[in-house]
Amino acid sequence: MTTTDVEITADLVRDLLREQHPDLAHLPVRLGARGWDNQLWRLGDDLAVRLPWATELADGLLRKEHACLPGLAPLLPLPVPVPQRLGEPGALFGRPWIVTTWVPGEPADRAPITQPGSADVLAAFLTALHRPAPDGAPTGRGRGGPLAEHTGGVEHGLAQVVERGLLADPEPVRAVWQDAVDAPAWDGPAVRLHADLHPANVVTADGALGGVIDFGDLCAGDPAYDLAGVWRLLPDGLADRFYAAYRGPDGRPADDATRRRARGWAAATALGGLLVGDAGDHGRPGGKSSWGPPARATLARLAATR
């Protein structure tokens, strides 16, 4: 982990706007959220400024959003943040930053999805997103690739959550993961993936799915990686409703192998959520206690269903 050498404040955001985008500098600035890679500052009612504050990877992720999202957003049936301006590194702040549209709502790690109709909404969103990726689309640093390559990491995560008392019995999770690894691999085209579809990256209003944010990990790969969101985001008992509405890049429902791989990715990413939500990790940039409960709920759903 690395952090920026400059403290990010409302005054800094205003100074950056005055220097590079002075027509926006008169708008009020207030903190929106501190995430894993970036800080988000509200700019007026309709805009936000995203600045990297932690990992070195964040610079490239913001530039990717600025390049890709304006063309992708009109194809998606949910509100997403659309970059409007790019801020270049300078003397005030030595990293790139963007001005983007603000997506209203509360993050689902704090205000979970409760409305059953959100299964249909999520299915429509992922059906629209999961089209064959363009040539040269980035891969996802292992996201959306072969599951077997991550077995060591899953076993390490299981050992950590058991050692910390966050999970009493690792065997149901291990069984879900092994079944996913044993499932036939994806043999279709690499599709566009959000690749970070966890509760803190979707927003809700009155229990309904209202938008998807943080597209920095946008990449190409196996749709099963995003379909893990069925288990991470939706209330109990809605997986079948989701899959009845979802259509993959070939226009057909997800097959059994894809659903099995999605369960495996859900288990693996929920383990990470447990660790981020644990008291020992709250000091990490973006680490939040609110990540623990949805991760536990995910593992419980997986253990209770097949």
C-alpha atoms as a PDB file:
ATOM      1  CA  MET A   1       0.000   0.000   0.000  1.00  0.00           C
ATOM      2  CA  THR A   2       1.171   3.549  -0.752  1.00  0.00           C
ATOM      3  CA  THR A   3      -0.491   6.834   0.125  1.00  0.00           C
ATOM      4  CA  THR A   4      -0.205  10.226  -1.485  1.00  0.00           C
ATOM      5  CA  ASP A   5       2.293  12.607   0.102  1.00  0.00           C
ATOM      6  CA  VAL A   6      -0.272  15.406   0.033  1.00  0.00           C
ATOM      7  CA  GLU A   7      -3.210  15.543   2.424  1.00  0.00           C
ATOM      8  CA  ILE A   8      -6.409  15.701   0.399  1.00  0.00           C
ATOM      9  CA  THR A   9      -8.722  18.408   1.721  1.00  0.00           C
ATOM     10  CA  ALA A  10     -11.596  20.486   0.396  1.00  0.00           C
ATOM     11  CA  ASP A  11      -9.170  23.396  -0.011  1.00  0.00           C
ATOM     12  CA  LEU A  12      -6.846  21.263  -2.126  1.00  0.00           C
ATOM     13  CA  VAL A  13      -9.736  20.162  -4.350  1.00  0.00           C
ATOM     14  CA  ARG A  14     -10.770  23.805  -4.855  1.00  0.00           C
ATOM     15  CA  ASP A  15      -7.178  24.807  -5.666  1.00  0.00           C
ATOM     16  CA  LEU A  16      -6.886  22.001  -8.231  1.00  0.00           C
ATOM     17  CA  LEU A  17     -10.109  23.105  -9.876  1.00  0.00           C
ATOM     18  CA  ARG A  18      -9.013  26.754  -9.968  1.00  0.00           C
ATOM     19  CA  GLU A  19      -5.761  25.692 -11.623  1.00  0.00           C
ATOM     20  CA  GLN A  20      -7.102  23.263 -14.246  1.00  0.00           C
ATOM     21  CA  HIS A  21     -10.894  23.639 -14.476  1.00  0.00           C
ATOM     22  CA  PRO A  22     -11.675  27.136 -13.179  1.00  0.00           C
ATOM     23  CA  ASP A  23     -15.261  27.111 -14.485  1.00  0.00           C
ATOM     24  CA  LEU A  24     -16.058  24.496 -11.792  1.00  0.00           C
ATOM     25  CA  ALA A  25     -14.150  26.102  -8.912  1.00  0.00           C
ATOM     26  CA  HIS A  26     -17.141  28.064  -7.595  1.00  0.00           C
ATOM     27  CA  LEU A  27     -19.112  24.900  -6.730  1.00  0.00           C
ATOM     28  CA  PRO A  28     -19.231  23.753  -3.077  1.00  0.00           C
ATOM     29  CA  VAL A  29     -16.892  20.894  -2.148  1.00  0.00           C
ATOM     30  CA  ARG A  30     -17.485  18.343   0.597  1.00  0.00           C
ATOM     31  CA  LEU A  31     -16.173  14.867   1.365  1.00  0.00           C
ATOM     32  CA  GLY A  32     -18.168  12.014  -0.129  1.00  0.00           C
ATOM     33  CA  ALA A  33     -16.210   8.873   0.751  1.00  0.00           C
ATOM     34  CA  ARG A  34     -12.755   7.406   1.220  1.00  0.00           C
ATOM     35  CA  GLY A  35     -12.440   4.184  -0.729  1.00  0.00           C
ATOM     36  CA  TRP A  36      -9.730   1.592  -1.152  1.00  0.00           C
ATOM     37  CA  ASP A  37      -7.882   3.419  -3.945  1.00  0.00           C
ATOM     38  CA  ASN A  38      -9.536   6.829  -4.208  1.00  0.00           C
ATOM     39  CA  GLN A  39     -11.200   9.598  -2.285  1.00  0.00           C
ATOM     40  CA  LEU A  40     -14.492  10.983  -3.582  1.00  0.00           C
ATOM     41  CA  TRP A  41     -15.413  14.623  -3.002  1.00  0.00           C
ATOM     42  CA  ARG A  42     -18.876  15.962  -3.851  1.00  0.00           C
ATOM     43  CA  LEU A  43     -18.758  18.934  -6.218  1.00  0.00           C
ATOM     44  CA  GLY A  44     -22.022  20.795  -6.140  1.00  0.00           C
ATOM     45  CA  ASP A  45     -25.119  18.607  -6.479  1.00  0.00           C
ATOM     46  CA  ASP A  46     -24.335  16.691  -9.662  1.00  0.00           C
ATOM     47  CA  LEU A  47     -20.567  16.174  -9.838  1.00  0.00           C
ATOM     48  CA  ALA A  48     -17.744  14.581  -7.861  1.00  0.00           C
ATOM     49  CA  VAL A  49     -13.952  14.695  -7.865  1.00  0.00           C
ATOM     50  CA  ARG A  50     -12.093  11.376  -7.596  1.00  0.00           C
ATOM     51  CA  LEU A  51      -8.477  11.533  -6.453  1.00  0.00           C
ATOM     52  CA  PRO A  52      -6.113   8.601  -5.800  1.00  0.00           C
ATOM     53  CA  TRP A  53      -4.865   8.392  -2.252  1.00  0.00           C
ATOM     54  CA  ALA A  54      -3.588   4.853  -1.751  1.00  0.00           C
ATOM     55  CA  THR A  55      -2.357   2.211  -4.177  1.00  0.00           C
ATOM     56  CA  GLU A  56      -0.117   3.130  -7.094  1.00  0.00           C
ATOM     57  CA  LEU A  57      -2.558   1.243  -9.329  1.00  0.00           C
ATOM     58  CA  ALA A  58      -5.186   3.925  -8.724  1.00  0.00           C
ATOM     59  CA  ASP A  59      -3.627   6.335 -11.238  1.00  0.00           C
ATOM     60  CA  GLY A  60      -4.125   3.929 -14.126  1.00  0.00           C
ATOM     61  CA  LEU A  61      -7.593   2.933 -12.926  1.00  0.00           C
ATOM     62  CA  LEU A  62      -8.770   6.550 -13.013  1.00  0.00           C
ATOM     63  CA  ARG A  63      -7.348   7.089 -16.493  1.00  0.00           C
ATOM     64  CA  LYS A  64      -9.132   3.918 -17.614  1.00  0.00           C
ATOM     65  CA  GLU A  65     -12.456   5.227 -16.281  1.00  0.00           C
ATOM     66  CA  HIS A  66     -11.903   8.543 -18.067  1.00  0.00           C
ATOM     67  CA  ALA A  67     -11.164   6.773 -21.352  1.00  0.00           C
ATOM     68  CA  CYS A  68     -13.817   4.027 -21.267  1.00  0.00           C
ATOM     69  CA  LEU A  69     -16.874   5.103 -19.301  1.00  0.00           C
ATOM     70  CA  PRO A  70     -18.194   7.935 -21.497  1.00  0.00           C
ATOM     71  CA  GLY A  71     -18.709   5.464 -24.341  1.00  0.00           C
ATOM     72  CA  LEU A  72     -19.959   2.621 -22.155  1.00  0.00           C
ATOM     73  CA  ALA A  73     -22.388   4.500 -19.917  1.00  0.00           C
ATOM     74  CA  PRO A  74     -25.109   5.076 -22.568  1.00  0.00           C
ATOM     75  CA  LEU A  75     -25.292   1.309 -23.136  1.00  0.00           C
ATOM     76  CA  LEU A  76     -26.078   0.535 -19.498  1.00  0.00           C
ATOM     77  CA  PRO A  77     -29.573   0.620 -17.927  1.00  0.00           C
ATOM     78  CA  LEU A  78     -28.422   1.949 -14.543  1.00  0.00           C
ATOM     79  CA  PRO A  79     -26.828   5.245 -13.530  1.00  0.00           C
ATOM     80  CA  VAL A  80     -23.032   5.072 -13.489  1.00  0.00           C
ATOM     81  CA  PRO A  81     -20.450   7.818 -12.891  1.00  0.00           C
ATOM     82  CA  VAL A  82     -19.510   9.417 -16.223  1.00  0.00           C
ATOM     83  CA  PRO A  83     -16.134  11.224 -16.272  1.00  0.00           C
ATOM     84  CA  GLN A  84     -16.393  14.825 -17.433  1.00  0.00           C
ATOM     85  CA  ARG A  85     -12.880  16.204 -16.962  1.00  0.00           C
ATOM     86  CA  LEU A  86      -9.351  14.874 -16.438  1.00  0.00           C
ATOM     87  CA  GLY A  87      -6.940  16.520 -14.022  1.00  0.00           C
ATOM     88  CA  GLU A  88      -3.270  16.037 -14.788  1.00  0.00           C
ATOM     89  CA  PRO A  89      -0.454  15.688 -12.216  1.00  0.00           C
ATOM     90  CA  GLY A  90       1.069  18.988 -11.193  1.00  0.00           C
ATOM     91  CA  ALA A  91       2.827  20.858  -8.441  1.00  0.00           C
ATOM     92  CA  LEU A  92      -0.218  20.862  -6.161  1.00  0.00           C
ATOM     93  CA  PHE A  93      -0.965  17.151  -6.579  1.00  0.00           C
ATOM     94  CA  GLY A  94       1.360  14.784  -8.364  1.00  0.00           C
ATOM     95  CA  ARG A  95      -1.204  12.248  -9.551  1.00  0.00           C
ATOM     96  CA  PRO A  96      -4.056  12.308 -12.093  1.00  0.00           C
ATOM     97  CA  TRP A  97      -7.630  12.891 -10.963  1.00  0.00           C
ATOM     98  CA  ILE A  98     -11.043  13.131 -12.597  1.00  0.00           C
ATOM     99  CA  VAL A  99     -14.299  15.050 -12.358  1.00  0.00           C
ATOM    100  CA  THR A 100     -17.251  12.733 -12.832  1.00  0.00           C
ATOM    101  CA  THR A 101     -21.012  12.731 -12.453  1.00  0.00           C
ATOM    102  CA  TRP A 102     -22.420  11.945  -9.023  1.00  0.00           C
ATOM    103  CA  VAL A 103     -24.576   8.817  -8.672  1.00  0.00           C
ATOM    104  CA  PRO A 104     -27.097   9.389  -5.853  1.00  0.00           C
ATOM    105  CA  GLY A 105     -27.885   6.736  -3.279  1.00  0.00           C
ATOM    106  CA  GLU A 106     -26.365   4.941  -0.311  1.00  0.00           C
ATOM    107  CA  PRO A 107     -23.668   2.264  -0.713  1.00  0.00           C
ATOM    108  CA  ALA A 108     -25.168  -1.199  -0.304  1.00  0.00           C
ATOM    109  CA  ASP A 109     -22.678  -2.177   2.396  1.00  0.00           C
ATOM    110  CA  ARG A 110     -24.529   0.334   4.590  1.00  0.00           C
ATOM    111  CA  ALA A 111     -27.997   0.211   2.985  1.00  0.00           C
ATOM    112  CA  PRO A 112     -28.449  -3.307   1.561  1.00  0.00           C
ATOM    113  CA  ILE A 113     -30.663  -4.242  -1.347  1.00  0.00           C
ATOM    114  CA  THR A 114     -34.013  -5.516  -0.058  1.00  0.00           C
ATOM    115  CA  GLN A 115     -36.365  -5.131  -3.022  1.00  0.00           C
ATOM    116  CA  PRO A 116     -36.942  -8.384  -4.982  1.00  0.00           C
ATOM    117  CA  GLY A 117     -37.234  -6.479  -8.251  1.00  0.00           C
ATOM    118  CA  SER A 118     -33.552  -5.596  -7.961  1.00  0.00           C
ATOM    119  CA  ALA A 119     -32.795  -9.110  -9.230  1.00  0.00           C
ATOM    120  CA  ASP A 120     -34.302  -8.113 -12.578  1.00  0.00           C
ATOM    121  CA  VAL A 121     -32.492  -4.769 -12.528  1.00  0.00           C
ATOM    122  CA  LEU A 122     -29.114  -6.399 -11.850  1.00  0.00           C
ATOM    123  CA  ALA A 123     -29.793  -8.986 -14.573  1.00  0.00           C
ATOM    124  CA  ALA A 124     -30.562  -6.236 -17.096  1.00  0.00           C
ATOM    125  CA  PHE A 125     -27.397  -4.349 -16.130  1.00  0.00           C
ATOM    126  CA  LEU A 126     -25.110  -7.370 -16.475  1.00  0.00           C
ATOM    127  CA  THR A 127     -26.813  -8.520 -19.676  1.00  0.00           C
ATOM    128  CA  ALA A 128     -26.029  -5.104 -21.189  1.00  0.00           C
ATOM    129  CA  LEU A 129     -22.477  -5.047 -19.827  1.00  0.00           C
ATOM    130  CA  HIS A 130     -21.504  -8.606 -20.747  1.00  0.00           C
ATOM    131  CA  ARG A 131     -20.955  -8.084 -24.450  1.00  0.00           C
ATOM    132  CA  PRO A 132     -17.766  -9.302 -26.156  1.00  0.00           C
ATOM    133  CA  ALA A 133     -14.928  -7.017 -25.135  1.00  0.00           C
ATOM    134  CA  PRO A 134     -13.149  -4.978 -27.818  1.00  0.00           C
ATOM    135  CA  ASP A 135      -9.752  -6.062 -29.079  1.00  0.00           C
ATOM    136  CA  GLY A 136      -7.007  -4.980 -26.730  1.00  0.00           C
ATOM    137  CA  ALA A 137      -9.271  -4.706 -23.688  1.00  0.00           C
ATOM    138  CA  PRO A 138      -7.262  -5.111 -20.477  1.00  0.00           C
ATOM    139  CA  THR A 139      -7.278  -8.323 -18.523  1.00  0.00           C
ATOM    140  CA  GLY A 140      -8.236  -8.131 -14.882  1.00  0.00           C
ATOM    141  CA  ARG A 141      -5.123  -9.037 -12.879  1.00  0.00           C
ATOM    142  CA  GLY A 142      -6.557 -12.522 -12.486  1.00  0.00           C
ATOM    143  CA  ARG A 143     -10.171 -11.391 -12.231  1.00  0.00           C
ATOM    144  CA  GLY A 144     -12.234 -13.278 -14.739  1.00  0.00           C
ATOM    145  CA  GLY A 145      -9.463 -15.773 -15.447  1.00  0.00           C
ATOM    146  CA  PRO A 146      -9.005 -19.408 -14.405  1.00  0.00           C
ATOM    147  CA  LEU A 147     -10.129 -20.056 -10.845  1.00  0.00           C
ATOM    148  CA  ALA A 148      -7.538 -22.739 -10.113  1.00  0.00           C
ATOM    149  CA  GLU A 149      -4.788 -20.108 -10.153  1.00  0.00           C
ATOM    150  CA  HIS A 150      -6.332 -18.611  -7.002  1.00  0.00           C
ATOM    151  CA  THR A 151      -6.680 -21.756  -4.890  1.00  0.00           C
ATOM    152  CA  GLY A 152      -3.616 -20.888  -2.829  1.00  0.00           C
ATOM    153  CA  GLY A 153      -5.019 -17.458  -2.058  1.00  0.00           C
ATOM    154  CA  VAL A 154      -8.392 -18.911  -1.075  1.00  0.00           C
ATOM    155  CA  GLU A 155      -6.747 -21.397   1.267  1.00  0.00           C
ATOM    156  CA  HIS A 156      -4.697 -18.608   2.815  1.00  0.00           C
ATOM    157  CA  GLY A 157      -7.851 -16.520   3.253  1.00  0.00           C
ATOM    158  CA  LEU A 158      -9.655 -19.435   4.877  1.00  0.00           C
ATOM    159  CA  ALA A 159      -6.795 -19.921   7.313  1.00  0.00           C
ATOM    160  CA  GLN A 160      -6.835 -16.216   8.191  1.00  0.00           C
ATOM    161  CA  VAL A 161     -10.582 -15.971   8.840  1.00  0.00           C
ATOM    162  CA  VAL A 162     -10.563 -19.138  10.947  1.00  0.00           C
ATOM    163  CA  GLU A 163      -7.541 -17.936  12.945  1.00  0.00           C
ATOM    164  CA  ARG A 164      -9.251 -14.606  13.649  1.00  0.00           C
ATOM    165  CA  GLY A 165     -12.499 -16.292  14.685  1.00  0.00           C
ATOM    166  CA  LEU A 166     -14.425 -14.836  11.753  1.00  0.00           C
ATOM    167  CA  LEU A 167     -15.528 -18.221  10.386  1.00  0.00           C
ATOM    168  CA  ALA A 168     -16.183 -21.289  12.512  1.00  0.00           C
ATOM    169  CA  ASP A 169     -16.245 -23.961   9.812  1.00  0.00           C
ATOM    170  CA  PRO A 170     -14.265 -23.469   6.581  1.00  0.00           C
ATOM    171  CA  GLU A 171     -15.449 -26.682   4.925  1.00  0.00           C
ATOM    172  CA  PRO A 172     -18.647 -25.337   3.261  1.00  0.00           C
ATOM    173  CA  VAL A 173     -16.628 -22.505   1.704  1.00  0.00           C
ATOM    174  CA  ARG A 174     -13.909 -24.897   0.615  1.00  0.00           C
ATOM    175  CA  ALA A 175     -16.526 -27.158  -0.975  1.00  0.00           C
ATOM    176  CA  VAL A 176     -18.052 -24.263  -2.936  1.00  0.00           C
ATOM    177  CA  TRP A 177     -14.622 -23.222  -4.162  1.00  0.00           C
ATOM    178  CA  GLN A 178     -13.600 -26.731  -5.189  1.00  0.00           C
ATOM    179  CA  ASP A 179     -16.850 -27.260  -7.066  1.00  0.00           C
ATOM    180  CA  ALA A 180     -16.186 -24.024  -8.961  1.00  0.00           C
ATOM    181  CA  VAL A 181     -12.635 -25.058  -9.803  1.00  0.00           C
ATOM    182  CA  ASP A 182     -13.934 -28.410 -11.061  1.00  0.00           C
ATOM    183  CA  ALA A 183     -16.541 -26.769 -13.313  1.00  0.00           C
ATOM    184  CA  PRO A 184     -15.760 -26.537 -17.055  1.00  0.00           C
ATOM    185  CA  ALA A 185     -13.876 -23.354 -17.948  1.00  0.00           C
ATOM    186  CA  TRP A 186     -15.466 -20.478 -19.846  1.00  0.00           C
ATOM    187  CA  ASP A 187     -15.159 -21.166 -23.582  1.00  0.00           C
ATOM    188  CA  GLY A 188     -17.012 -18.120 -24.896  1.00  0.00           C
ATOM    189  CA  PRO A 189     -15.642 -14.697 -25.835  1.00  0.00           C
ATOM    190  CA  ALA A 190     -14.038 -12.549 -23.177  1.00  0.00           C
ATOM    191  CA  VAL A 191     -16.757 -10.131 -22.116  1.00  0.00           C
ATOM    192  CA  ARG A 192     -16.692  -6.685 -20.547  1.00  0.00           C
ATOM    193  CA  LEU A 193     -16.527  -7.023 -16.757  1.00  0.00           C
ATOM    194  CA  HIS A 194     -17.069  -4.510 -14.002  1.00  0.00           C
ATOM    195  CA  ALA A 195     -14.754  -6.806 -11.993  1.00  0.00           C
ATOM    196  CA  ASP A 196     -15.378  -5.225  -8.583  1.00  0.00           C
ATOM    197  CA  LEU A 197     -19.093  -5.728  -8.047  1.00  0.00           C
ATOM    198  CA  HIS A 198     -19.256  -5.758  -4.251  1.00  0.00           C
ATOM    199  CA  PRO A 199     -21.729  -4.003  -1.936  1.00  0.00           C
ATOM    200  CA  ALA A 200     -19.672  -0.829  -1.496  1.00  0.00           C
ATOM    201  CA  ASN A 201     -19.662  -0.352  -5.279  1.00  0.00           C
ATOM    202  CA  VAL A 202     -23.419  -0.289  -5.823  1.00  0.00           C
ATOM    203  CA  VAL A 203     -25.870   2.245  -4.420  1.00  0.00           C
ATOM    204  CA  THR A 204     -29.451   1.819  -3.264  1.00  0.00           C
ATOM    205  CA  ALA A 205     -32.557   3.922  -2.695  1.00  0.00           C
ATOM    206  CA  ASP A 206     -35.372   2.577  -0.502  1.00  0.00           C
ATOM    207  CA  GLY A 207     -33.866  -0.908  -0.743  1.00  0.00           C
ATOM    208  CA  ALA A 208     -33.739  -0.936  -4.551  1.00  0.00           C
ATOM    209  CA  LEU A 209     -30.599  -1.139  -6.678  1.00  0.00           C
ATOM    210  CA  GLY A 210     -30.067   2.400  -7.924  1.00  0.00           C
ATOM    211  CA  GLY A 211     -26.645   2.569  -9.568  1.00  0.00           C
ATOM    212  CA  VAL A 212     -23.214   1.026 -10.017  1.00  0.00           C
ATOM    213  CA  ILE A 213     -19.994   2.909  -9.278  1.00  0.00           C
ATOM    214  CA  ASP A 214     -16.193   2.473  -9.369  1.00  0.00           C
ATOM    215  CA  PHE A 215     -15.356   1.051 -12.795  1.00  0.00           C
ATOM    216  CA  GLY A 216     -11.594   1.261 -12.319  1.00  0.00           C
ATOM    217  CA  ASP A 217     -11.204  -2.510 -12.629  1.00  0.00           C
ATOM    218  CA  LEU A 218     -13.145  -2.662 -15.920  1.00  0.00           C
ATOM    219  CA  CYS A 219     -11.624  -5.515 -17.912  1.00  0.00           C
ATOM    220  CA  ALA A 220     -12.341  -8.539 -20.111  1.00  0.00           C
ATOM    221  CA  GLY A 221     -12.870 -12.135 -19.034  1.00  0.00           C
ATOM    222  CA  ASP A 222     -15.269 -14.819 -17.822  1.00  0.00           C
ATOM    223  CA  PRO A 223     -18.718 -13.387 -16.981  1.00  0.00           C
ATOM    224  CA  ALA A 224     -18.833 -15.626 -13.904  1.00  0.00           C
ATOM    225  CA  TYR A 225     -16.639 -13.122 -12.083  1.00  0.00           C
ATOM    226  CA  ASP A 226     -19.379 -10.474 -12.191  1.00  0.00           C
ATOM    227  CA  LEU A 227     -22.143 -13.034 -11.668  1.00  0.00           C
ATOM    228  CA  ALA A 228     -20.708 -13.537  -8.187  1.00  0.00           C
ATOM    229  CA  GLY A 229     -22.664 -10.355  -7.465  1.00  0.00           C
ATOM    230  CA  VAL A 230     -25.832 -12.470  -7.410  1.00  0.00           C
ATOM    231  CA  TRP A 231     -24.629 -13.870  -4.078  1.00  0.00           C
ATOM    232  CA  ARG A 232     -22.891 -10.744  -2.805  1.00  0.00           C
ATOM    233  CA  LEU A 233     -25.620  -8.188  -3.506  1.00  0.00           C
ATOM    234  CA  LEU A 234     -29.076  -9.753  -3.653  1.00  0.00           C
ATOM    235  CA  PRO A 235     -31.188 -10.899  -0.697  1.00  0.00           C
ATOM    236  CA  ASP A 236     -31.703 -14.584   0.025  1.00  0.00           C
ATOM    237  CA  GLY A 237     -33.743 -16.561  -2.475  1.00  0.00           C
ATOM    238  CA  LEU A 238     -33.344 -14.314  -5.530  1.00  0.00           C
ATOM    239  CA  ALA A 239     -30.625 -16.159  -7.459  1.00  0.00           C
ATOM    240  CA  ASP A 240     -33.101 -18.114  -9.596  1.00  0.00           C
ATOM    241  CA  ARG A 241     -35.059 -14.947 -10.410  1.00  0.00           C
ATOM    242  CA  PHE A 242     -31.839 -13.244 -11.494  1.00  0.00           C
ATOM    243  CA  TYR A 243     -30.744 -16.122 -13.711  1.00  0.00           C
ATOM    244  CA  ALA A 244     -34.187 -16.331 -15.322  1.00  0.00           C
ATOM    245  CA  ALA A 245     -33.693 -12.754 -16.561  1.00  0.00           C
ATOM    246  CA  TYR A 246     -29.962 -12.687 -17.338  1.00  0.00           C
ATOM    247  CA  ARG A 247     -28.628 -13.416 -20.812  1.00  0.00           C
ATOM    248  CA  GLY A 248     -24.986 -13.965 -21.668  1.00  0.00           C
ATOM    249  CA  PRO A 249     -23.119 -12.767 -24.764  1.00  0.00           C
ATOM    250  CA  ASP A 250     -24.689 -15.521 -26.871  1.00  0.00           C
ATOM    251  CA  GLY A 251     -28.202 -14.430 -25.885  1.00  0.00           C
ATOM    252  CA  ARG A 252     -28.764 -17.537 -23.770  1.00  0.00           C
ATOM    253  CA  PRO A 253     -29.062 -18.000 -19.982  1.00  0.00           C
ATOM    254  CA  ALA A 254     -25.941 -18.736 -17.963  1.00  0.00           C
ATOM    255  CA  ASP A 255     -25.159 -22.450 -18.048  1.00  0.00           C
ATOM    256  CA  ASP A 256     -24.585 -24.624 -15.001  1.00  0.00           C
ATOM    257  CA  ALA A 257     -20.800 -24.369 -15.239  1.00  0.00           C
ATOM    258  CA  THR A 258     -20.912 -20.566 -15.283  1.00  0.00           C
ATOM    259  CA  ARG A 259     -23.215 -20.529 -12.280  1.00  0.00           C
ATOM    260  CA  ARG A 260     -20.841 -22.850 -10.410  1.00  0.00           C
ATOM    261  CA  ARG A 261     -17.840 -20.644 -11.208  1.00  0.00           C
ATOM    262  CA  ALA A 262     -19.815 -17.589 -10.058  1.00  0.00           C
ATOM    263  CA  ARG A 263     -20.414 -19.250  -6.697  1.00  0.00           C
ATOM    264  CA  GLY A 264     -16.700 -19.879  -6.351  1.00  0.00           C
ATOM    265  CA  TRP A 265     -15.802 -16.269  -7.078  1.00  0.00           C
ATOM    266  CA  ALA A 266     -18.462 -15.158  -4.598  1.00  0.00           C
ATOM    267  CA  ALA A 267     -16.904 -17.322  -1.894  1.00  0.00           C
ATOM    268  CA  ALA A 268     -13.376 -16.093  -2.630  1.00  0.00           C
ATOM    269  CA  THR A 269     -14.299 -12.406  -2.679  1.00  0.00           C
ATOM    270  CA  ALA A 270     -16.445 -12.736   0.454  1.00  0.00           C
ATOM    271  CA  LEU A 271     -13.395 -14.035   2.314  1.00  0.00           C
ATOM    272  CA  GLY A 272     -11.616 -10.841   1.345  1.00  0.00           C
ATOM    273  CA  GLY A 273     -14.584  -8.829   2.586  1.00  0.00           C
ATOM    274  CA  LEU A 274     -14.434 -10.562   5.961  1.00  0.00           C
ATOM    275  CA  LEU A 275     -10.768  -9.679   6.323  1.00  0.00           C
ATOM    276  CA  VAL A 276     -11.257  -6.046   5.300  1.00  0.00           C
ATOM    277  CA  GLY A 277     -14.158  -5.787   7.734  1.00  0.00           C
ATOM    278  CA  ASP A 278     -12.216  -7.309  10.615  1.00  0.00           C
ATOM    279  CA  ALA A 279     -11.083  -4.955  13.385  1.00  0.00           C
ATOM    280  CA  GLY A 280      -7.439  -5.692  12.597  1.00  0.00           C
ATOM    281  CA  ASP A 281      -7.765  -4.232   9.112  1.00  0.00           C
ATOM    282  CA  HIS A 282      -9.795  -1.097   9.750  1.00  0.00           C
ATOM    283  CA  GLY A 283      -6.695   1.064   9.455  1.00  0.00           C
ATOM    284  CA  ARG A 284      -6.058   0.072   5.846  1.00  0.00           C
ATOM    285  CA  PRO A 285      -7.169   2.645   3.275  1.00  0.00           C
ATOM    286  CA  GLY A 286     -10.779   1.827   2.467  1.00  0.00           C
ATOM    287  CA  GLY A 287     -11.055  -0.860   5.111  1.00  0.00           C
ATOM    288  CA  LYS A 288     -14.479  -0.656   6.732  1.00  0.00           C
ATOM    289  CA  SER A 289     -16.381  -2.578   9.367  1.00  0.00           C
ATOM    290  CA  SER A 290     -19.426  -2.341   7.072  1.00  0.00           C
ATOM    291  CA  TRP A 291     -17.804  -4.842   4.696  1.00  0.00           C
ATOM    292  CA  GLY A 292     -18.016  -7.696   7.205  1.00  0.00           C
ATOM    293  CA  PRO A 293     -21.801  -8.271   7.486  1.00  0.00           C
ATOM    294  CA  PRO A 294     -22.479  -8.578   3.719  1.00  0.00           C
ATOM    295  CA  ALA A 295     -19.501 -10.925   3.405  1.00  0.00           C
ATOM    296  CA  ARG A 296     -20.909 -13.165   6.156  1.00  0.00           C
ATOM    297  CA  ALA A 297     -24.324 -13.085   4.500  1.00  0.00           C
ATOM    298  CA  THR A 298     -22.757 -14.139   1.193  1.00  0.00           C
ATOM    299  CA  LEU A 299     -21.043 -17.143   2.731  1.00  0.00           C
ATOM    300  CA  ALA A 300     -24.242 -18.137   4.517  1.00  0.00           C
ATOM    301  CA  ARG A 301     -26.222 -18.004   1.248  1.00  0.00           C
ATOM    302  CA  LEU A 302     -23.651 -20.106  -0.518  1.00  0.00           C
ATOM    303  CA  ALA A 303     -23.570 -22.707   2.248  1.00  0.00           C
ATOM    304  CA  ALA A 304     -27.372 -22.970   2.277  1.00  0.00           C
ATOM    305  CA  THR A 305     -27.818 -23.487  -1.472  1.00  0.00           C
ATOM    306  CA  ARG A 306     -26.319 -25.416  -4.348  1.00  0.00           C
END
